[in-house]
Amino acid sequence: MIAYGHLFSFKPILLVMAFIGHSFLSDVSPADSERTTQSKFTVNDDLYSLEISLERVEDNVYDLVAVIDFKEDGYTASPMSDKNYTGAFKMDLSRNPNVSWSSDLEETPNSQQLWGLKDQEPGDWIRERTTYSRVFRVYGNQDFDAGGKISFTIEPRCTFEEIPLMLKQQAGVLTLQSWGC
C-alpha cells in the first residue's frame, strides 16, 4: 500500500506539467503557423555548389534564393545578358493558382562581360559566388504542390544542369524540397 501511495503523489505534478505544456502549445496562433517555412537544400558538383532556400519577406510573400558557388574553372551564362544564351541561369515554377511571381530574377553581384570564355566573343558570364533571388506571393491557406526547377549550362563541361524543386504548402506550412533528384 505504501508503494502505491508513492505513485499517487506524482499525479498532481503530472497534471501541472501537462497544463504547462498545453499553455506553450496553445500560444501558437493559426496566423503564426500560416507563415511557417522549412526550406533549404544544397546540390554539390565538381564544378559548382548550389544552395537553394526559401525566405519569408512578409505575410504570404517569399523569396526563392539560389546561391551558386563555382569550383575549379566552372562558370555559366548570366540571365541578365543581352545575348540569348540557351543555357543561362534560370529559375522556373510551374503555373499554380496559389502562387504567382511578383518580380524578375535578381542577380548579386552583377555579371561581368568577359572575353574569350566561349566562342571567343565577349559575354556576360558568372564565375564567382552569385546569388539569384525571385519574389513570389502565396494566395490562400489551402494545401498545394508547385513544381519548379533551376537550370543552367555549366561550363567548361558544357552540360545542361536541371535541379527540380517542389514548393509545398500543407496545413499552413510552406516548404521547399529537392524533388526527383
N, C-alpha and C. Protein backbone atom coordinates (compact mmCIF):
# COMPACT_ATOMS: atom_id res chain seq x y z
N MET A 1 0.81 -1.18 0.00
CA MET A 1 0.00 0.00 0.00
C MET A 1 0.86 1.26 0.00
N ILE A 2 1.92 1.24 0.75
CA ILE A 2 2.80 2.40 0.79
C ILE A 2 3.46 2.62 -0.57
N ALA A 3 3.82 1.55 -1.26
CA ALA A 3 4.45 1.67 -2.58
C ALA A 3 3.49 2.33 -3.57
N TYR A 4 2.21 2.00 -3.51
CA TYR A 4 1.24 2.62 -4.40
C TYR A 4 0.98 4.07 -4.04
N GLY A 5 1.04 4.39 -2.77
CA GLY A 5 0.84 5.76 -2.32
C GLY A 5 1.89 6.69 -2.90
N HIS A 6 3.08 6.19 -3.09
CA HIS A 6 4.16 6.96 -3.71
C HIS A 6 3.81 7.38 -5.13
N LEU A 7 3.19 6.48 -5.89
CA LEU A 7 2.79 6.77 -7.26
C LEU A 7 1.72 7.85 -7.31
N PHE A 8 0.80 7.83 -6.36
CA PHE A 8 -0.27 8.81 -6.36
C PHE A 8 0.23 10.21 -6.06
N SER A 9 1.35 10.35 -5.39
CA SER A 9 1.89 11.68 -5.10
C SER A 9 2.44 12.37 -6.35
N PHE A 10 2.73 11.62 -7.40
CA PHE A 10 3.22 12.19 -8.66
C PHE A 10 2.09 12.72 -9.54
N LYS A 11 0.86 12.31 -9.27
CA LYS A 11 -0.27 12.69 -10.11
C LYS A 11 -0.42 14.21 -10.22
N PRO A 12 -0.38 14.98 -9.12
CA PRO A 12 -0.51 16.44 -9.27
C PRO A 12 0.63 17.05 -10.10
N ILE A 13 1.82 16.53 -9.97
CA ILE A 13 2.95 17.04 -10.74
C ILE A 13 2.73 16.80 -12.22
N LEU A 14 2.25 15.60 -12.57
CA LEU A 14 1.97 15.30 -13.98
C LEU A 14 0.89 16.21 -14.54
N LEU A 15 -0.15 16.50 -13.75
CA LEU A 15 -1.20 17.40 -14.21
C LEU A 15 -0.66 18.81 -14.44
N VAL A 16 0.20 19.30 -13.57
CA VAL A 16 0.79 20.62 -13.72
C VAL A 16 1.66 20.66 -14.97
N MET A 17 2.46 19.61 -15.19
CA MET A 17 3.31 19.56 -16.39
C MET A 17 2.47 19.53 -17.66
N ALA A 18 1.38 18.79 -17.65
CA ALA A 18 0.50 18.73 -18.82
C ALA A 18 -0.11 20.10 -19.08
N PHE A 19 -0.53 20.81 -18.04
CA PHE A 19 -1.10 22.15 -18.19
C PHE A 19 -0.08 23.13 -18.76
N ILE A 20 1.15 23.11 -18.24
CA ILE A 20 2.20 24.00 -18.72
C ILE A 20 2.51 23.70 -20.19
N GLY A 21 2.64 22.42 -20.53
CA GLY A 21 2.90 22.03 -21.92
C GLY A 21 1.81 22.50 -22.85
N HIS A 22 0.54 22.38 -22.41
CA HIS A 22 -0.57 22.83 -23.24
C HIS A 22 -0.53 24.35 -23.41
N SER A 23 -0.16 25.07 -22.36
CA SER A 23 -0.10 26.53 -22.44
C SER A 23 0.90 26.97 -23.49
N PHE A 24 2.08 26.34 -23.53
CA PHE A 24 3.08 26.71 -24.52
C PHE A 24 2.60 26.41 -25.92
N LEU A 25 1.96 25.26 -26.11
CA LEU A 25 1.49 24.89 -27.44
C LEU A 25 0.33 25.78 -27.89
N SER A 26 -0.54 26.18 -26.97
CA SER A 26 -1.69 26.97 -27.37
C SER A 26 -1.32 28.43 -27.64
N ASP A 27 -0.10 28.86 -27.30
CA ASP A 27 0.35 30.23 -27.59
C ASP A 27 0.60 30.43 -29.08
N VAL A 28 0.73 29.35 -29.86
CA VAL A 28 0.97 29.46 -31.29
C VAL A 28 -0.37 29.66 -31.99
N SER A 29 -0.57 30.83 -32.54
CA SER A 29 -1.84 31.13 -33.19
C SER A 29 -1.83 30.62 -34.62
N PRO A 30 -3.02 30.42 -35.21
CA PRO A 30 -3.08 29.98 -36.60
C PRO A 30 -2.36 30.93 -37.54
N ALA A 31 -2.37 32.23 -37.23
CA ALA A 31 -1.68 33.19 -38.10
C ALA A 31 -0.19 32.91 -38.14
N ASP A 32 0.41 32.53 -36.98
CA ASP A 32 1.83 32.20 -36.95
C ASP A 32 2.12 30.95 -37.77
N SER A 33 1.27 29.94 -37.66
CA SER A 33 1.55 28.69 -38.37
C SER A 33 1.39 28.87 -39.88
N GLU A 34 0.58 29.85 -40.31
CA GLU A 34 0.42 30.10 -41.73
C GLU A 34 1.72 30.62 -42.35
N ARG A 35 2.57 31.21 -41.55
CA ARG A 35 3.79 31.83 -42.07
C ARG A 35 5.03 30.99 -41.81
N THR A 36 4.86 29.77 -41.39
CA THR A 36 6.00 28.92 -41.09
C THR A 36 6.62 28.41 -42.38
N THR A 37 7.95 28.42 -42.44
CA THR A 37 8.65 27.86 -43.59
C THR A 37 9.75 26.93 -43.11
N GLN A 38 10.00 25.91 -43.88
CA GLN A 38 11.08 24.97 -43.61
C GLN A 38 11.73 24.67 -44.95
N SER A 39 12.87 25.30 -45.21
CA SER A 39 13.33 25.12 -46.57
C SER A 39 14.78 25.48 -46.82
N LYS A 40 15.52 24.47 -47.24
CA LYS A 40 16.88 24.70 -47.70
C LYS A 40 17.45 23.36 -48.15
N PHE A 41 18.09 23.35 -49.29
CA PHE A 41 18.84 22.17 -49.69
C PHE A 41 20.00 22.60 -50.58
N THR A 42 21.00 21.73 -50.68
CA THR A 42 22.22 22.03 -51.42
C THR A 42 22.50 20.93 -52.44
N VAL A 43 22.96 21.34 -53.60
CA VAL A 43 23.40 20.42 -54.65
C VAL A 43 24.89 20.65 -54.84
N ASN A 44 25.68 19.59 -54.73
CA ASN A 44 27.13 19.70 -54.91
C ASN A 44 27.57 18.97 -56.17
N ASP A 45 28.48 19.58 -56.88
CA ASP A 45 29.02 19.05 -58.13
C ASP A 45 30.51 19.36 -58.15
N ASP A 46 31.25 18.75 -59.06
CA ASP A 46 32.68 19.03 -59.19
C ASP A 46 32.96 20.48 -59.57
N LEU A 47 32.04 21.10 -60.33
CA LEU A 47 32.27 22.47 -60.81
C LEU A 47 31.47 23.55 -60.09
N TYR A 48 30.52 23.15 -59.25
CA TYR A 48 29.71 24.16 -58.55
C TYR A 48 29.04 23.56 -57.31
N SER A 49 28.60 24.46 -56.46
CA SER A 49 27.74 24.13 -55.33
C SER A 49 26.56 25.08 -55.42
N LEU A 50 25.36 24.57 -55.27
CA LEU A 50 24.16 25.38 -55.39
C LEU A 50 23.31 25.20 -54.14
N GLU A 51 23.11 26.28 -53.39
CA GLU A 51 22.27 26.24 -52.20
C GLU A 51 20.96 26.95 -52.52
N ILE A 52 19.85 26.26 -52.31
CA ILE A 52 18.54 26.80 -52.62
C ILE A 52 17.76 26.93 -51.33
N SER A 53 17.17 28.11 -51.12
CA SER A 53 16.44 28.33 -49.87
C SER A 53 15.21 29.18 -50.11
N LEU A 54 14.36 29.18 -49.11
CA LEU A 54 13.12 29.93 -49.13
C LEU A 54 13.16 30.90 -47.97
N GLU A 55 12.94 32.19 -48.23
CA GLU A 55 12.97 33.19 -47.17
C GLU A 55 11.66 33.97 -47.15
N ARG A 56 11.12 34.15 -45.96
CA ARG A 56 9.88 34.91 -45.80
C ARG A 56 10.21 36.41 -45.86
N VAL A 57 9.51 37.15 -46.72
CA VAL A 57 9.71 38.59 -46.86
C VAL A 57 8.69 39.32 -45.98
N GLU A 58 7.44 38.92 -46.10
CA GLU A 58 6.34 39.46 -45.29
C GLU A 58 5.19 38.47 -45.40
N ASP A 59 4.03 38.78 -44.81
CA ASP A 59 2.91 37.85 -44.87
C ASP A 59 2.65 37.40 -46.30
N ASN A 60 2.72 36.10 -46.52
CA ASN A 60 2.42 35.47 -47.81
C ASN A 60 3.35 35.86 -48.95
N VAL A 61 4.44 36.55 -48.67
CA VAL A 61 5.41 36.91 -49.70
C VAL A 61 6.75 36.28 -49.33
N TYR A 62 7.33 35.58 -50.30
CA TYR A 62 8.56 34.83 -50.07
C TYR A 62 9.58 35.12 -51.16
N ASP A 63 10.81 34.79 -50.87
CA ASP A 63 11.91 34.95 -51.80
C ASP A 63 12.54 33.57 -52.02
N LEU A 64 12.54 33.11 -53.25
CA LEU A 64 13.24 31.88 -53.60
C LEU A 64 14.67 32.31 -53.93
N VAL A 65 15.63 31.79 -53.17
CA VAL A 65 17.02 32.23 -53.28
C VAL A 65 17.90 31.06 -53.69
N ALA A 66 18.75 31.29 -54.67
CA ALA A 66 19.72 30.29 -55.11
C ALA A 66 21.10 30.94 -55.10
N VAL A 67 22.01 30.32 -54.36
CA VAL A 67 23.38 30.83 -54.30
C VAL A 67 24.27 29.79 -54.99
N ILE A 68 24.89 30.21 -56.09
CA ILE A 68 25.77 29.31 -56.83
C ILE A 68 27.21 29.73 -56.56
N ASP A 69 28.02 28.76 -56.21
CA ASP A 69 29.43 28.99 -55.91
C ASP A 69 30.23 28.07 -56.82
N PHE A 70 31.12 28.63 -57.60
CA PHE A 70 31.85 27.85 -58.59
C PHE A 70 33.14 27.29 -58.02
N LYS A 71 33.47 26.09 -58.48
CA LYS A 71 34.72 25.42 -58.10
C LYS A 71 35.57 25.28 -59.35
N GLU A 72 36.83 25.07 -59.14
CA GLU A 72 37.75 24.88 -60.28
C GLU A 72 37.59 26.01 -61.28
N ASP A 73 37.33 25.67 -62.53
CA ASP A 73 37.16 26.68 -63.58
C ASP A 73 35.71 26.81 -64.03
N GLY A 74 34.77 26.47 -63.16
CA GLY A 74 33.35 26.48 -63.53
C GLY A 74 32.81 27.88 -63.76
N TYR A 75 31.86 27.98 -64.66
CA TYR A 75 31.16 29.23 -64.93
C TYR A 75 29.88 28.95 -65.71
N THR A 76 29.01 29.93 -65.80
CA THR A 76 27.78 29.80 -66.57
C THR A 76 27.37 31.18 -67.10
N ALA A 77 26.42 31.18 -68.02
CA ALA A 77 25.94 32.43 -68.60
C ALA A 77 24.94 33.10 -67.67
N SER A 78 25.01 34.41 -67.65
CA SER A 78 24.11 35.20 -66.83
C SER A 78 22.75 35.37 -67.52
N PRO A 79 21.67 35.29 -66.77
CA PRO A 79 20.35 35.56 -67.35
C PRO A 79 20.16 37.05 -67.64
N MET A 80 21.05 37.87 -67.14
CA MET A 80 20.96 39.31 -67.34
C MET A 80 21.61 39.76 -68.65
N SER A 81 22.19 38.82 -69.36
CA SER A 81 22.88 39.13 -70.61
C SER A 81 21.89 39.60 -71.67
N ASP A 82 22.37 40.48 -72.55
CA ASP A 82 21.53 40.88 -73.67
C ASP A 82 21.60 39.86 -74.80
N LYS A 83 22.49 38.87 -74.65
CA LYS A 83 22.57 37.78 -75.63
C LYS A 83 21.58 36.69 -75.21
N ASN A 84 21.13 35.93 -76.17
CA ASN A 84 20.14 34.89 -75.91
C ASN A 84 20.83 33.54 -75.68
N TYR A 85 21.49 33.39 -74.53
CA TYR A 85 22.16 32.14 -74.22
C TYR A 85 21.13 31.06 -73.90
N THR A 86 21.27 29.92 -74.55
CA THR A 86 20.35 28.81 -74.32
C THR A 86 20.45 28.29 -72.88
N GLY A 87 21.64 28.22 -72.33
CA GLY A 87 21.83 27.64 -71.01
C GLY A 87 22.07 28.65 -69.90
N ALA A 88 21.55 29.87 -70.05
CA ALA A 88 21.72 30.86 -68.99
C ALA A 88 20.98 30.41 -67.73
N PHE A 89 21.45 30.86 -66.58
CA PHE A 89 20.85 30.52 -65.30
C PHE A 89 19.36 30.91 -65.29
N LYS A 90 18.51 30.00 -64.82
CA LYS A 90 17.07 30.24 -64.89
C LYS A 90 16.38 29.60 -63.69
N MET A 91 15.37 30.28 -63.13
CA MET A 91 14.54 29.75 -62.05
C MET A 91 13.10 29.76 -62.53
N ASP A 92 12.48 28.58 -62.59
CA ASP A 92 11.10 28.47 -63.07
C ASP A 92 10.23 27.76 -62.05
N LEU A 93 8.97 28.12 -62.04
CA LEU A 93 7.97 27.44 -61.21
C LEU A 93 6.75 27.21 -62.09
N SER A 94 6.18 26.01 -61.99
CA SER A 94 5.01 25.70 -62.82
C SER A 94 3.83 26.60 -62.44
N ARG A 95 2.94 26.77 -63.37
CA ARG A 95 1.75 27.59 -63.11
C ARG A 95 0.93 26.93 -62.01
N ASN A 96 0.47 27.77 -61.07
CA ASN A 96 -0.33 27.28 -59.98
C ASN A 96 -1.19 28.45 -59.49
N PRO A 97 -2.49 28.24 -59.31
CA PRO A 97 -3.36 29.35 -58.90
C PRO A 97 -3.04 29.88 -57.49
N ASN A 98 -2.28 29.13 -56.71
CA ASN A 98 -1.95 29.54 -55.35
C ASN A 98 -0.65 30.34 -55.25
N VAL A 99 0.10 30.42 -56.36
CA VAL A 99 1.41 31.07 -56.34
C VAL A 99 1.56 31.96 -57.58
N SER A 100 2.13 33.15 -57.38
CA SER A 100 2.47 33.98 -58.54
C SER A 100 3.79 34.69 -58.29
N TRP A 101 4.59 34.75 -59.34
CA TRP A 101 5.85 35.50 -59.27
C TRP A 101 5.51 36.97 -59.28
N SER A 102 6.15 37.73 -58.41
CA SER A 102 5.86 39.16 -58.37
C SER A 102 7.07 40.01 -58.72
N SER A 103 8.13 39.36 -59.16
CA SER A 103 9.31 40.15 -59.56
C SER A 103 10.14 39.36 -60.56
N ASP A 104 11.06 40.07 -61.18
CA ASP A 104 12.01 39.42 -62.07
C ASP A 104 13.13 38.82 -61.25
N LEU A 105 13.92 38.00 -61.89
CA LEU A 105 15.09 37.41 -61.26
C LEU A 105 16.12 38.50 -60.97
N GLU A 106 16.68 38.49 -59.77
CA GLU A 106 17.73 39.45 -59.41
C GLU A 106 19.05 38.72 -59.26
N GLU A 107 20.14 39.37 -59.66
CA GLU A 107 21.48 38.79 -59.64
C GLU A 107 22.40 39.68 -58.81
N THR A 108 23.10 39.07 -57.82
CA THR A 108 24.05 39.82 -56.99
C THR A 108 25.29 38.97 -56.75
N PRO A 109 26.49 39.45 -57.04
CA PRO A 109 26.79 40.68 -57.75
C PRO A 109 26.43 40.54 -59.23
N ASN A 110 26.39 41.64 -59.92
CA ASN A 110 26.07 41.61 -61.34
C ASN A 110 27.18 40.90 -62.11
N SER A 111 26.78 40.21 -63.18
CA SER A 111 27.76 39.52 -64.01
C SER A 111 28.69 40.52 -64.68
N GLN A 112 29.82 40.00 -65.13
CA GLN A 112 30.79 40.85 -65.82
C GLN A 112 30.93 40.37 -67.26
N GLN A 113 31.16 41.32 -68.14
CA GLN A 113 31.39 40.94 -69.52
C GLN A 113 32.85 40.52 -69.65
N LEU A 114 33.04 39.27 -70.04
CA LEU A 114 34.39 38.70 -70.14
C LEU A 114 34.63 38.23 -71.56
N TRP A 115 35.87 38.33 -71.99
CA TRP A 115 36.27 37.90 -73.33
C TRP A 115 36.80 36.48 -73.30
N GLY A 116 36.52 35.75 -74.36
CA GLY A 116 37.20 34.50 -74.62
C GLY A 116 36.82 33.30 -73.78
N LEU A 117 35.77 33.36 -73.01
CA LEU A 117 35.38 32.18 -72.26
C LEU A 117 34.70 31.16 -73.15
N LYS A 118 33.96 31.62 -74.11
CA LYS A 118 33.23 30.75 -75.02
C LYS A 118 33.11 31.47 -76.35
N ASP A 119 33.38 30.77 -77.41
CA ASP A 119 33.22 31.31 -78.77
C ASP A 119 34.06 32.55 -79.07
N GLN A 120 35.06 32.81 -78.27
CA GLN A 120 35.96 33.95 -78.49
C GLN A 120 35.22 35.27 -78.67
N GLU A 121 34.08 35.42 -78.01
CA GLU A 121 33.32 36.67 -78.04
C GLU A 121 33.11 37.14 -76.61
N PRO A 122 32.88 38.43 -76.45
CA PRO A 122 32.56 38.89 -75.10
C PRO A 122 31.18 38.37 -74.70
N GLY A 123 31.01 38.09 -73.43
CA GLY A 123 29.72 37.61 -72.95
C GLY A 123 29.55 37.91 -71.47
N ASP A 124 28.32 37.88 -71.02
CA ASP A 124 28.03 38.09 -69.60
C ASP A 124 28.07 36.74 -68.90
N TRP A 125 29.16 36.52 -68.20
CA TRP A 125 29.39 35.23 -67.55
C TRP A 125 29.51 35.43 -66.04
N ILE A 126 29.13 34.40 -65.32
CA ILE A 126 29.35 34.44 -63.88
C ILE A 126 30.35 33.35 -63.52
N ARG A 127 31.36 33.75 -62.77
CA ARG A 127 32.43 32.84 -62.36
C ARG A 127 32.64 32.85 -60.86
N GLU A 128 31.98 33.80 -60.18
CA GLU A 128 32.16 33.92 -58.73
C GLU A 128 30.85 33.59 -58.03
N ARG A 129 30.93 33.47 -56.73
CA ARG A 129 29.73 33.20 -55.91
C ARG A 129 28.67 34.26 -56.23
N THR A 130 27.51 33.80 -56.68
CA THR A 130 26.46 34.71 -57.12
C THR A 130 25.12 34.27 -56.52
N THR A 131 24.34 35.25 -56.10
CA THR A 131 23.03 34.99 -55.52
C THR A 131 21.95 35.42 -56.50
N TYR A 132 21.01 34.52 -56.74
CA TYR A 132 19.83 34.82 -57.54
C TYR A 132 18.63 34.74 -56.63
N SER A 133 17.72 35.68 -56.79
CA SER A 133 16.50 35.64 -55.98
C SER A 133 15.31 36.07 -56.81
N ARG A 134 14.18 35.50 -56.44
CA ARG A 134 12.95 35.82 -57.13
C ARG A 134 11.81 35.79 -56.12
N VAL A 135 11.07 36.89 -56.02
CA VAL A 135 9.99 37.04 -55.06
C VAL A 135 8.71 36.44 -55.63
N PHE A 136 7.94 35.78 -54.76
CA PHE A 136 6.65 35.26 -55.16
C PHE A 136 5.65 35.41 -54.02
N ARG A 137 4.37 35.36 -54.36
CA ARG A 137 3.28 35.50 -53.39
C ARG A 137 2.48 34.20 -53.36
N VAL A 138 2.07 33.83 -52.16
CA VAL A 138 1.20 32.67 -51.97
C VAL A 138 -0.19 33.20 -51.65
N TYR A 139 -1.20 32.69 -52.37
CA TYR A 139 -2.58 33.10 -52.17
C TYR A 139 -3.33 32.01 -51.43
N GLY A 140 -3.93 32.37 -50.31
CA GLY A 140 -4.75 31.43 -49.56
C GLY A 140 -3.94 30.50 -48.68
N ASN A 141 -4.68 29.71 -47.91
CA ASN A 141 -4.05 28.77 -46.98
C ASN A 141 -4.25 27.32 -47.38
N GLN A 142 -4.84 27.08 -48.54
CA GLN A 142 -5.11 25.72 -48.96
C GLN A 142 -3.81 24.98 -49.28
N ASP A 143 -3.86 23.68 -49.13
CA ASP A 143 -2.70 22.84 -49.44
C ASP A 143 -2.46 22.85 -50.95
N PHE A 144 -1.18 22.86 -51.34
CA PHE A 144 -0.84 22.78 -52.76
C PHE A 144 0.59 22.28 -52.93
N ASP A 145 0.88 21.81 -54.13
CA ASP A 145 2.22 21.47 -54.58
C ASP A 145 2.47 22.26 -55.86
N ALA A 146 3.63 22.88 -55.95
CA ALA A 146 4.00 23.61 -57.17
C ALA A 146 5.43 23.21 -57.53
N GLY A 147 5.57 22.47 -58.60
CA GLY A 147 6.90 22.03 -59.04
C GLY A 147 7.63 23.14 -59.76
N GLY A 148 8.93 23.05 -59.77
CA GLY A 148 9.75 24.03 -60.46
C GLY A 148 11.13 23.48 -60.71
N LYS A 149 12.01 24.33 -61.23
CA LYS A 149 13.39 23.89 -61.46
C LYS A 149 14.31 25.09 -61.60
N ILE A 150 15.56 24.82 -61.32
CA ILE A 150 16.64 25.75 -61.61
C ILE A 150 17.46 25.06 -62.68
N SER A 151 17.79 25.80 -63.74
CA SER A 151 18.54 25.18 -64.82
C SER A 151 19.61 26.14 -65.34
N PHE A 152 20.68 25.55 -65.86
CA PHE A 152 21.78 26.32 -66.44
C PHE A 152 22.76 25.34 -67.08
N THR A 153 23.58 25.85 -67.97
CA THR A 153 24.66 25.05 -68.55
C THR A 153 25.93 25.37 -67.79
N ILE A 154 26.56 24.35 -67.26
CA ILE A 154 27.82 24.56 -66.53
C ILE A 154 28.97 24.37 -67.52
N GLU A 155 29.81 25.36 -67.56
CA GLU A 155 30.98 25.34 -68.43
C GLU A 155 32.22 25.14 -67.56
N PRO A 156 33.28 24.62 -68.05
CA PRO A 156 33.58 24.24 -69.43
C PRO A 156 33.09 22.84 -69.81
N ARG A 157 32.41 22.15 -68.89
CA ARG A 157 31.93 20.79 -69.17
C ARG A 157 30.84 20.79 -70.22
N CYS A 158 30.11 21.90 -70.34
CA CYS A 158 29.05 22.06 -71.33
C CYS A 158 27.91 21.06 -71.13
N THR A 159 27.48 20.91 -69.86
CA THR A 159 26.33 20.04 -69.57
C THR A 159 25.19 20.89 -69.03
N PHE A 160 23.99 20.54 -69.45
CA PHE A 160 22.80 21.25 -69.01
C PHE A 160 22.36 20.67 -67.67
N GLU A 161 22.36 21.50 -66.65
CA GLU A 161 22.00 21.08 -65.30
C GLU A 161 20.55 21.47 -65.02
N GLU A 162 19.77 20.53 -64.51
CA GLU A 162 18.39 20.81 -64.09
C GLU A 162 18.23 20.32 -62.66
N ILE A 163 17.85 21.22 -61.77
CA ILE A 163 17.64 20.87 -60.38
C ILE A 163 16.16 21.06 -60.09
N PRO A 164 15.39 19.95 -60.05
CA PRO A 164 13.96 20.07 -59.78
C PRO A 164 13.71 20.40 -58.31
N LEU A 165 12.65 21.16 -58.07
CA LEU A 165 12.29 21.53 -56.71
C LEU A 165 10.77 21.52 -56.58
N MET A 166 10.31 21.47 -55.34
CA MET A 166 8.88 21.46 -55.07
C MET A 166 8.56 22.44 -53.95
N LEU A 167 7.67 23.39 -54.23
CA LEU A 167 7.10 24.22 -53.19
C LEU A 167 5.84 23.49 -52.74
N LYS A 168 5.72 23.31 -51.44
CA LYS A 168 4.61 22.54 -50.92
C LYS A 168 4.04 23.27 -49.71
N GLN A 169 2.72 23.46 -49.70
CA GLN A 169 2.07 24.03 -48.52
C GLN A 169 1.10 22.99 -47.98
N GLN A 170 1.27 22.65 -46.72
CA GLN A 170 0.37 21.72 -46.05
C GLN A 170 0.09 22.26 -44.66
N ALA A 171 -1.18 22.36 -44.32
CA ALA A 171 -1.62 22.84 -43.01
C ALA A 171 -0.97 24.18 -42.66
N GLY A 172 -0.82 25.06 -43.66
CA GLY A 172 -0.27 26.39 -43.43
C GLY A 172 1.24 26.46 -43.36
N VAL A 173 1.92 25.34 -43.57
CA VAL A 173 3.38 25.32 -43.53
C VAL A 173 3.90 25.22 -44.97
N LEU A 174 4.69 26.22 -45.37
CA LEU A 174 5.27 26.26 -46.71
C LEU A 174 6.68 25.69 -46.65
N THR A 175 6.96 24.72 -47.52
CA THR A 175 8.30 24.11 -47.56
C THR A 175 8.83 24.09 -48.98
N LEU A 176 10.13 24.04 -49.08
CA LEU A 176 10.84 23.88 -50.34
C LEU A 176 11.58 22.56 -50.25
N GLN A 177 11.43 21.71 -51.26
CA GLN A 177 12.06 20.41 -51.21
C GLN A 177 12.78 20.10 -52.52
N SER A 178 13.87 19.37 -52.38
CA SER A 178 14.53 18.80 -53.54
C SER A 178 13.55 17.76 -54.09
N TRP A 179 13.42 17.70 -55.39
CA TRP A 179 12.37 16.84 -55.94
C TRP A 179 12.91 16.05 -57.12
N GLY A 180 12.83 14.76 -57.04
CA GLY A 180 13.16 13.90 -58.17
C GLY A 180 14.64 13.81 -58.53
N CYS A 181 15.54 14.29 -57.67
CA CYS A 181 16.96 14.22 -58.00
C CYS A 181 17.50 12.84 -57.73
